[in-house]
Amino acid sequence: MAVKLKSDRILFLTTILLVGLSLIMVYSASAMLAQERYQQPYLFLTKQALWAVLGLAFLGVIMRIDYRTYREPVFLWSSLVIVLIGLVLVLFSPPVNSARRWFAMGGLGIQPSELAKLSAIFFIAALLERRMHRINEVRYSLTPIAVVVALLVTLILLEPDFGTSVTLVLIASAMVFAAGLNYRFISTAALTLLPLVAIIAVAEPYRRSRLLAFLNPWDDPLNTDFQIVQSLLAVGTGGISGRGLMNGVQKLFYLPYPHTDFIYAVISEELGLIGATLVLGCFCVIAWRGLRVAVTAPDKFGALLAIGLTTMVAAQAFVNISVVLGLVPTKGIPLPFVSAGGSSLLVNLIGMGVLLNVSQHGSPES
């Protein structure tokens, strides 16, 4: 029988550890860049610290709010409408690096696409809870989910943001599979969507160049292959114990975006295989404890929420680390809790707050 328990302490401490590491590594990776471009070496650290304080405050509040509040129709539809309005309005915002993903607020950027992931998780979990008894009747159980996810993905692709779109599809797929959908339906859907994904992947010139760089990263090391080559150099020169904190070389105007998408490369160079493995281990712990929360959740809604939130963090971490190591083509997906980026940090901490609340209501089994 479900009882009120304490929050999952291991999950909480692992999250705090990654946020603390973020403040250290964001400063290490960005200080010289911020000094050169803005004459403010603490610029990115200050922004990250502000978002960390805000995110941890939200986490502290949300972990005390009963997660079942989020399946109320008023909350579900209100959050979806707000997110959809945000995704439409952001398309008319000033472009940053040829993309329209952010609303500027007091020098800080807000990404509605990050909030879209949370809104989608709440909606999918609530709908699947009500319809999972007929999960294999696809038209009945999955049509609303497909419509909502397709609409969100389309708007996010228009920004354009291919990485977040892929993450959202992965989250929805994991939740539907966890609800009991026959794997044959998932396989059929994957094979059907594969040509579409391939077309989207090569539709834009920058995506084609990234794909070609992945297939042969040493073909043009000073141009299209520059990012992955510099990332691999950072990882390879770190050795077992690294060059030492603040002593990395590739972040000094060689490695693009060292404090955001490629911060794991900086960690690998400065903290070595030991530091990189510890960070990877933290994400494995989050995945383990998140799945444990799903197994011990008192109801299907809590279990599906836990699956969605765990996938949100674990999938992003897997893709980001894979990009840094040259295992998949380059995508603009941050490393959860660690990369500089306010919206990502805030949303992931909110997600952990919800997950920690689910853990309070689960079975006391280990």
Protein backbone atom coordinates (compact mmCIF):
# COMPACT_ATOMS: atom_id res chain seq x y z
CA MET A 1 0.00 0.00 0.00
CA ALA A 2 1.33 3.46 -0.89
CA VAL A 3 2.39 5.63 2.02
CA LYS A 4 3.93 9.07 2.30
CA LEU A 5 7.70 8.65 2.28
CA LYS A 6 10.70 10.92 2.23
CA SER A 7 11.94 12.02 -1.17
CA ASP A 8 14.52 9.86 -2.90
CA ARG A 9 17.68 11.14 -1.25
CA ILE A 10 20.07 9.59 -3.77
CA LEU A 11 18.21 11.22 -6.68
CA PHE A 12 18.16 14.57 -4.90
CA LEU A 13 21.86 14.54 -3.98
CA THR A 14 22.92 13.44 -7.47
CA THR A 15 20.97 16.33 -8.98
CA ILE A 16 22.54 18.82 -6.57
CA LEU A 17 25.99 17.41 -7.34
CA LEU A 18 25.52 17.98 -11.08
CA VAL A 19 24.25 21.55 -10.52
CA GLY A 20 27.29 22.30 -8.34
CA LEU A 21 29.59 20.84 -11.00
CA SER A 22 27.84 23.03 -13.57
CA LEU A 23 28.78 26.24 -11.76
CA ILE A 24 32.43 25.18 -11.60
CA MET A 25 32.71 23.95 -15.19
CA VAL A 26 30.68 26.77 -16.77
CA TYR A 27 33.12 29.26 -15.24
CA SER A 28 36.14 27.22 -16.27
CA ALA A 29 34.85 26.79 -19.84
CA SER A 30 33.59 30.34 -20.38
CA ALA A 31 35.81 32.76 -18.40
CA MET A 32 38.28 33.51 -21.20
CA LEU A 33 35.54 33.64 -23.82
CA ALA A 34 33.44 36.05 -21.72
CA GLN A 35 36.49 38.22 -21.02
CA GLU A 36 37.42 38.41 -24.69
CA ARG A 37 33.93 39.13 -26.02
CA TYR A 38 32.25 41.03 -23.20
CA GLN A 39 35.10 42.04 -20.84
CA GLN A 40 33.20 40.23 -18.07
CA PRO A 41 34.86 36.92 -17.11
CA TYR A 42 32.05 36.03 -14.69
CA LEU A 43 29.21 36.76 -17.13
CA PHE A 44 28.12 33.20 -17.91
CA LEU A 45 28.82 32.02 -14.36
CA THR A 46 26.58 34.77 -12.98
CA LYS A 47 23.74 33.87 -15.33
CA GLN A 48 24.09 30.16 -14.55
CA ALA A 49 24.14 30.85 -10.82
CA LEU A 50 20.96 32.93 -11.08
CA TRP A 51 19.19 30.17 -12.98
CA ALA A 52 20.51 27.56 -10.54
CA VAL A 53 19.12 29.47 -7.55
CA LEU A 54 15.78 29.96 -9.30
CA GLY A 55 15.65 26.32 -10.41
CA LEU A 56 16.51 24.95 -6.97
CA ALA A 57 13.85 27.20 -5.43
CA PHE A 58 11.29 25.78 -7.87
CA LEU A 59 12.52 22.25 -7.12
CA GLY A 60 12.07 22.83 -3.39
CA VAL A 61 8.49 24.03 -3.87
CA ILE A 62 7.40 21.56 -6.55
CA MET A 63 8.65 18.50 -4.70
CA ARG A 64 6.05 19.39 -2.04
CA ILE A 65 3.13 19.68 -4.48
CA ASP A 66 1.14 16.47 -4.98
CA TYR A 67 1.98 15.25 -8.50
CA ARG A 68 -1.66 14.24 -9.07
CA THR A 69 -2.43 17.96 -9.40
CA TYR A 70 -0.89 17.82 -12.87
CA ARG A 71 -3.51 15.49 -14.31
CA GLU A 72 -6.34 17.98 -13.74
CA PRO A 73 -7.82 19.01 -17.12
CA VAL A 74 -7.56 22.72 -16.30
CA PHE A 75 -3.83 22.43 -15.70
CA LEU A 76 -3.20 20.17 -18.71
CA TRP A 77 -4.99 22.30 -21.27
CA SER A 78 -3.81 25.61 -19.81
CA SER A 79 -0.17 24.52 -19.95
CA LEU A 80 -0.55 23.22 -23.52
CA VAL A 81 -2.20 26.44 -24.72
CA ILE A 82 0.46 28.62 -23.07
CA VAL A 83 3.26 26.55 -24.59
CA LEU A 84 1.68 26.60 -28.07
CA ILE A 85 1.26 30.38 -27.90
CA GLY A 86 4.90 30.71 -26.82
CA LEU A 87 6.11 28.46 -29.66
CA VAL A 88 4.20 30.57 -32.20
CA LEU A 89 5.28 33.95 -30.82
CA VAL A 90 8.94 32.97 -30.58
CA LEU A 91 8.99 32.52 -34.36
CA PHE A 92 8.61 36.32 -34.63
CA SER A 93 11.43 37.08 -32.19
CA PRO A 94 14.84 38.40 -33.33
CA PRO A 95 17.07 35.56 -34.59
CA VAL A 96 20.09 34.43 -32.57
CA ASN A 97 22.64 32.39 -34.55
CA SER A 98 20.06 32.07 -37.35
CA ALA A 99 17.47 30.53 -35.03
CA ARG A 100 14.40 31.91 -33.26
CA ARG A 101 14.24 29.94 -30.02
CA TRP A 102 14.45 32.50 -27.22
CA PHE A 103 12.47 35.28 -25.60
CA ALA A 104 14.87 37.84 -24.10
CA MET A 105 13.90 38.88 -20.58
CA GLY A 106 16.27 41.12 -18.63
CA GLY A 107 19.34 39.71 -20.35
CA LEU A 108 18.15 36.13 -19.83
CA GLY A 109 16.70 33.88 -22.52
CA ILE A 110 13.54 31.77 -22.17
CA GLN A 111 13.00 28.82 -24.53
CA PRO A 112 9.34 27.75 -24.89
CA SER A 113 10.55 24.52 -26.52
CA GLU A 114 11.99 23.44 -23.17
CA LEU A 115 8.64 24.03 -21.46
CA ALA A 116 6.98 22.06 -24.28
CA LYS A 117 8.69 18.89 -23.07
CA LEU A 118 7.19 19.19 -19.59
CA SER A 119 3.74 20.05 -20.91
CA ALA A 120 3.84 17.07 -23.28
CA ILE A 121 4.89 14.69 -20.48
CA PHE A 122 1.98 15.77 -18.27
CA PHE A 123 -0.51 15.46 -21.13
CA ILE A 124 0.71 12.07 -22.35
CA ALA A 125 0.82 10.60 -18.84
CA ALA A 126 -2.72 11.77 -18.03
CA LEU A 127 -4.21 10.52 -21.29
CA LEU A 128 -2.43 7.16 -21.20
CA GLU A 129 -3.60 6.56 -17.64
CA ARG A 130 -7.21 6.87 -18.78
CA ARG A 131 -6.84 4.89 -22.02
CA MET A 132 -4.09 2.33 -21.44
CA HIS A 133 -6.67 -0.44 -20.91
CA ARG A 134 -7.19 -0.19 -24.69
CA ILE A 135 -3.63 0.80 -25.55
CA ASN A 136 -3.42 -1.38 -28.64
CA GLU A 137 -6.51 0.25 -30.14
CA VAL A 138 -4.23 2.86 -31.64
CA ARG A 139 -6.88 5.21 -33.02
CA TYR A 140 -8.56 5.46 -29.62
CA SER A 141 -5.52 5.56 -27.36
CA LEU A 142 -2.83 7.34 -29.34
CA THR A 143 -4.45 9.73 -31.82
CA PRO A 144 -4.65 12.69 -29.38
CA ILE A 145 -1.03 12.09 -28.36
CA ALA A 146 0.11 11.93 -31.98
CA VAL A 147 -1.71 15.17 -32.82
CA VAL A 148 -0.28 17.09 -29.85
CA VAL A 149 3.28 15.80 -30.30
CA ALA A 150 3.17 16.42 -34.07
CA LEU A 151 1.99 20.01 -33.52
CA LEU A 152 4.70 20.71 -30.93
CA VAL A 153 7.41 19.10 -33.04
CA THR A 154 6.37 21.04 -36.15
CA LEU A 155 6.55 24.38 -34.32
CA ILE A 156 9.91 23.49 -32.76
CA LEU A 157 11.32 22.46 -36.15
CA LEU A 158 10.36 25.86 -37.53
CA GLU A 159 12.67 27.60 -35.03
CA PRO A 160 14.65 25.47 -36.15
CA ASP A 161 15.55 23.04 -33.34
CA PHE A 162 15.99 19.50 -34.60
CA GLY A 163 17.58 18.21 -31.38
CA THR A 164 14.69 19.19 -29.09
CA SER A 165 12.21 17.76 -31.61
CA VAL A 166 14.00 14.41 -31.55
CA THR A 167 14.07 14.48 -27.74
CA LEU A 168 10.33 15.11 -27.57
CA VAL A 169 9.62 12.17 -29.89
CA LEU A 170 11.88 9.92 -27.80
CA ILE A 171 10.05 10.93 -24.61
CA ALA A 172 6.63 10.23 -26.14
CA SER A 173 7.82 6.89 -27.53
CA ALA A 174 9.23 5.77 -24.17
CA MET A 175 6.00 6.65 -22.37
CA VAL A 176 3.79 4.89 -24.91
CA PHE A 177 6.00 1.80 -24.82
CA ALA A 178 5.89 1.81 -20.99
CA ALA A 179 2.10 1.98 -21.15
CA GLY A 180 2.11 -1.42 -22.85
CA LEU A 181 1.81 -0.68 -26.57
CA ASN A 182 2.74 -3.73 -28.60
CA TYR A 183 6.30 -3.38 -29.88
CA ARG A 184 5.12 -4.17 -33.41
CA PHE A 185 3.21 -0.89 -33.54
CA ILE A 186 6.31 0.99 -32.38
CA SER A 187 8.50 -0.78 -34.93
CA THR A 188 6.05 0.00 -37.71
CA ALA A 189 5.84 3.67 -36.68
CA ALA A 190 9.64 3.93 -36.51
CA LEU A 191 10.08 2.45 -39.98
CA THR A 192 7.36 4.72 -41.35
CA LEU A 193 8.90 7.87 -39.85
CA LEU A 194 12.48 6.98 -40.79
CA PRO A 195 12.28 8.42 -44.33
CA LEU A 196 10.73 11.63 -42.95
CA VAL A 197 13.51 11.97 -40.37
CA ALA A 198 16.09 11.41 -43.12
CA ILE A 199 14.51 14.13 -45.27
CA ILE A 200 14.46 16.59 -42.37
CA ALA A 201 18.06 15.71 -41.51
CA VAL A 202 19.32 16.69 -44.96
CA ALA A 203 16.82 19.46 -45.78
CA GLU A 204 19.02 22.22 -44.37
CA PRO A 205 22.62 22.75 -45.53
CA TYR A 206 23.98 22.95 -41.97
CA ARG A 207 22.37 19.60 -41.12
CA ARG A 208 23.85 17.99 -44.23
CA SER A 209 27.31 19.31 -43.36
CA ARG A 210 26.98 17.92 -39.81
CA LEU A 211 25.99 14.53 -41.15
CA LEU A 212 28.92 14.48 -43.57
CA ALA A 213 31.25 15.60 -40.77
CA PHE A 214 30.03 12.69 -38.66
CA LEU A 215 30.65 10.19 -41.44
CA ASN A 216 34.19 11.47 -42.03
CA PRO A 217 35.28 13.88 -39.27
CA TRP A 218 38.84 14.24 -40.59
CA ASP A 219 37.90 15.13 -44.17
CA ASP A 220 37.71 18.90 -43.56
CA PRO A 221 39.12 19.53 -40.04
CA LEU A 222 39.36 23.31 -40.44
CA ASN A 223 35.82 23.90 -41.70
CA THR A 224 32.76 21.61 -41.53
CA ASP A 225 34.49 19.06 -39.29
CA PHE A 226 35.98 21.63 -36.93
CA GLN A 227 33.59 21.09 -33.99
CA ILE A 228 33.91 17.34 -33.74
CA VAL A 229 37.68 17.37 -34.34
CA GLN A 230 38.26 19.89 -31.54
CA SER A 231 35.93 17.92 -29.26
CA LEU A 232 37.81 14.67 -29.87
CA LEU A 233 41.13 16.46 -29.28
CA ALA A 234 39.84 17.74 -25.93
CA VAL A 235 38.64 14.29 -24.88
CA GLY A 236 41.80 12.56 -26.08
CA THR A 237 44.28 14.91 -24.40
CA GLY A 238 42.57 14.65 -21.02
CA GLY A 239 44.08 11.25 -20.28
CA ILE A 240 43.19 9.48 -17.05
CA SER A 241 43.24 12.38 -14.59
CA GLY A 242 43.05 15.39 -16.93
CA ARG A 243 45.08 18.56 -17.33
CA GLY A 244 43.61 20.01 -14.16
CA LEU A 245 40.70 22.36 -13.48
CA MET A 246 41.01 25.63 -15.46
CA ASN A 247 44.00 24.24 -17.39
CA GLY A 248 42.17 23.09 -20.52
CA VAL A 249 43.46 24.25 -23.89
CA GLN A 250 40.65 23.47 -26.37
CA LYS A 251 38.25 25.88 -24.66
CA LEU A 252 40.62 28.75 -25.54
CA PHE A 253 38.84 29.68 -28.78
CA TYR A 254 39.37 26.27 -30.41
CA LEU A 255 36.29 24.37 -29.24
CA PRO A 256 33.02 26.08 -30.28
CA TYR A 257 30.45 26.54 -27.50
CA PRO A 258 32.68 25.05 -24.77
CA HIS A 259 30.30 26.11 -21.97
CA THR A 260 27.11 24.81 -23.60
CA ASP A 261 26.86 21.92 -26.06
CA PHE A 262 30.49 20.78 -25.64
CA ILE A 263 31.00 21.22 -21.92
CA TYR A 264 31.50 17.45 -21.54
CA ALA A 265 34.59 17.79 -23.75
CA VAL A 266 35.97 20.42 -21.35
CA ILE A 267 35.22 18.12 -18.42
CA SER A 268 37.02 15.28 -20.18
CA GLU A 269 40.06 17.44 -20.90
CA GLU A 270 40.37 19.05 -17.47
CA LEU A 271 39.16 16.21 -15.22
CA GLY A 272 40.17 13.32 -17.45
CA LEU A 273 38.60 9.92 -17.77
CA ILE A 274 37.95 9.88 -14.03
CA GLY A 275 35.88 13.08 -14.07
CA ALA A 276 34.08 12.19 -17.30
CA THR A 277 33.18 8.75 -15.92
CA LEU A 278 31.88 10.24 -12.68
CA VAL A 279 29.60 12.59 -14.64
CA LEU A 280 28.36 9.71 -16.78
CA GLY A 281 27.84 7.73 -13.57
CA CYS A 282 25.65 10.51 -12.17
CA PHE A 283 23.31 10.28 -15.15
CA CYS A 284 23.21 6.49 -14.79
CA VAL A 285 22.18 6.98 -11.15
CA ILE A 286 19.42 9.40 -12.20
CA ALA A 287 18.17 6.88 -14.76
CA TRP A 288 18.26 4.07 -12.17
CA ARG A 289 16.48 6.04 -9.45
CA GLY A 290 13.97 7.46 -11.94
CA LEU A 291 13.03 3.98 -13.15
CA ARG A 292 12.81 2.85 -9.53
CA VAL A 293 10.35 5.69 -8.85
CA ALA A 294 8.30 4.50 -11.82
CA VAL A 295 8.21 0.91 -10.53
CA THR A 296 7.18 1.92 -7.01
CA ALA A 297 4.71 4.67 -8.01
CA PRO A 298 1.23 4.23 -6.49
CA ASP A 299 -0.64 4.71 -9.77
CA LYS A 300 -0.18 4.64 -13.54
CA PHE A 301 -0.06 8.41 -13.82
CA GLY A 302 2.87 8.61 -11.39
CA ALA A 303 4.66 5.75 -13.13
CA LEU A 304 4.26 7.31 -16.59
CA LEU A 305 5.34 10.73 -15.28
CA ALA A 306 8.48 9.13 -13.87
CA ILE A 307 9.21 7.40 -17.17
CA GLY A 308 8.77 10.62 -19.13
CA LEU A 309 10.84 12.79 -16.80
CA THR A 310 13.62 10.22 -16.54
CA THR A 311 13.73 9.85 -20.31
CA MET A 312 13.85 13.64 -20.70
CA VAL A 313 17.10 13.80 -18.70
CA ALA A 314 18.67 10.48 -19.69
CA ALA A 315 18.01 10.84 -23.44
CA GLN A 316 19.46 14.35 -23.54
CA ALA A 317 22.52 13.27 -21.58
CA PHE A 318 23.05 10.24 -23.83
CA VAL A 319 22.78 12.30 -27.02
CA ASN A 320 24.99 15.13 -25.74
CA ILE A 321 27.75 12.80 -24.58
CA SER A 322 27.48 10.79 -27.80
CA VAL A 323 27.93 13.99 -29.84
CA VAL A 324 31.02 14.97 -27.85
CA LEU A 325 32.52 11.51 -28.40
CA GLY A 326 31.69 11.52 -32.11
CA LEU A 327 29.18 8.68 -31.85
CA VAL A 328 26.29 10.60 -33.43
CA PRO A 329 26.09 13.71 -35.67
CA THR A 330 26.37 17.09 -33.96
CA LYS A 331 23.11 18.37 -32.45
CA GLY A 332 22.40 21.39 -30.30
CA ILE A 333 21.34 19.45 -27.19
CA PRO A 334 22.76 20.63 -23.84
CA LEU A 335 24.04 18.33 -21.12
CA PRO A 336 21.25 18.38 -18.48
CA PHE A 337 22.05 20.28 -15.26
CA VAL A 338 25.62 20.95 -16.45
CA SER A 339 25.62 22.98 -19.68
CA ALA A 340 25.15 26.74 -19.49
CA GLY A 341 21.56 27.51 -20.37
CA GLY A 342 18.85 28.83 -18.12
CA SER A 343 15.72 27.33 -19.66
CA SER A 344 17.22 23.84 -19.82
CA LEU A 345 18.45 23.99 -16.22
CA LEU A 346 15.16 25.38 -14.93
CA VAL A 347 12.98 22.82 -16.75
CA ASN A 348 15.16 19.88 -15.72
CA LEU A 349 15.09 20.98 -12.07
CA ILE A 350 11.31 21.38 -12.23
CA GLY A 351 11.14 17.89 -13.68
CA MET A 352 13.27 16.54 -10.84
CA GLY A 353 10.97 18.28 -8.36
CA VAL A 354 7.97 16.43 -9.81
CA LEU A 355 9.90 13.15 -9.86
CA LEU A 356 10.93 13.59 -6.22
CA ASN A 357 7.32 14.17 -5.26
CA VAL A 358 6.26 10.96 -7.01
CA SER A 359 8.96 9.17 -5.00
CA GLN A 360 7.32 10.38 -1.77
CA HIS A 361 4.09 8.53 -2.55
CA GLY A 362 5.52 5.23 -3.73
CA SER A 363 5.78 1.83 -2.17
CA PRO A 364 8.43 1.60 0.58
CA GLU A 365 10.08 -1.30 -1.26
CA SER A 366 13.79 -0.90 -2.04
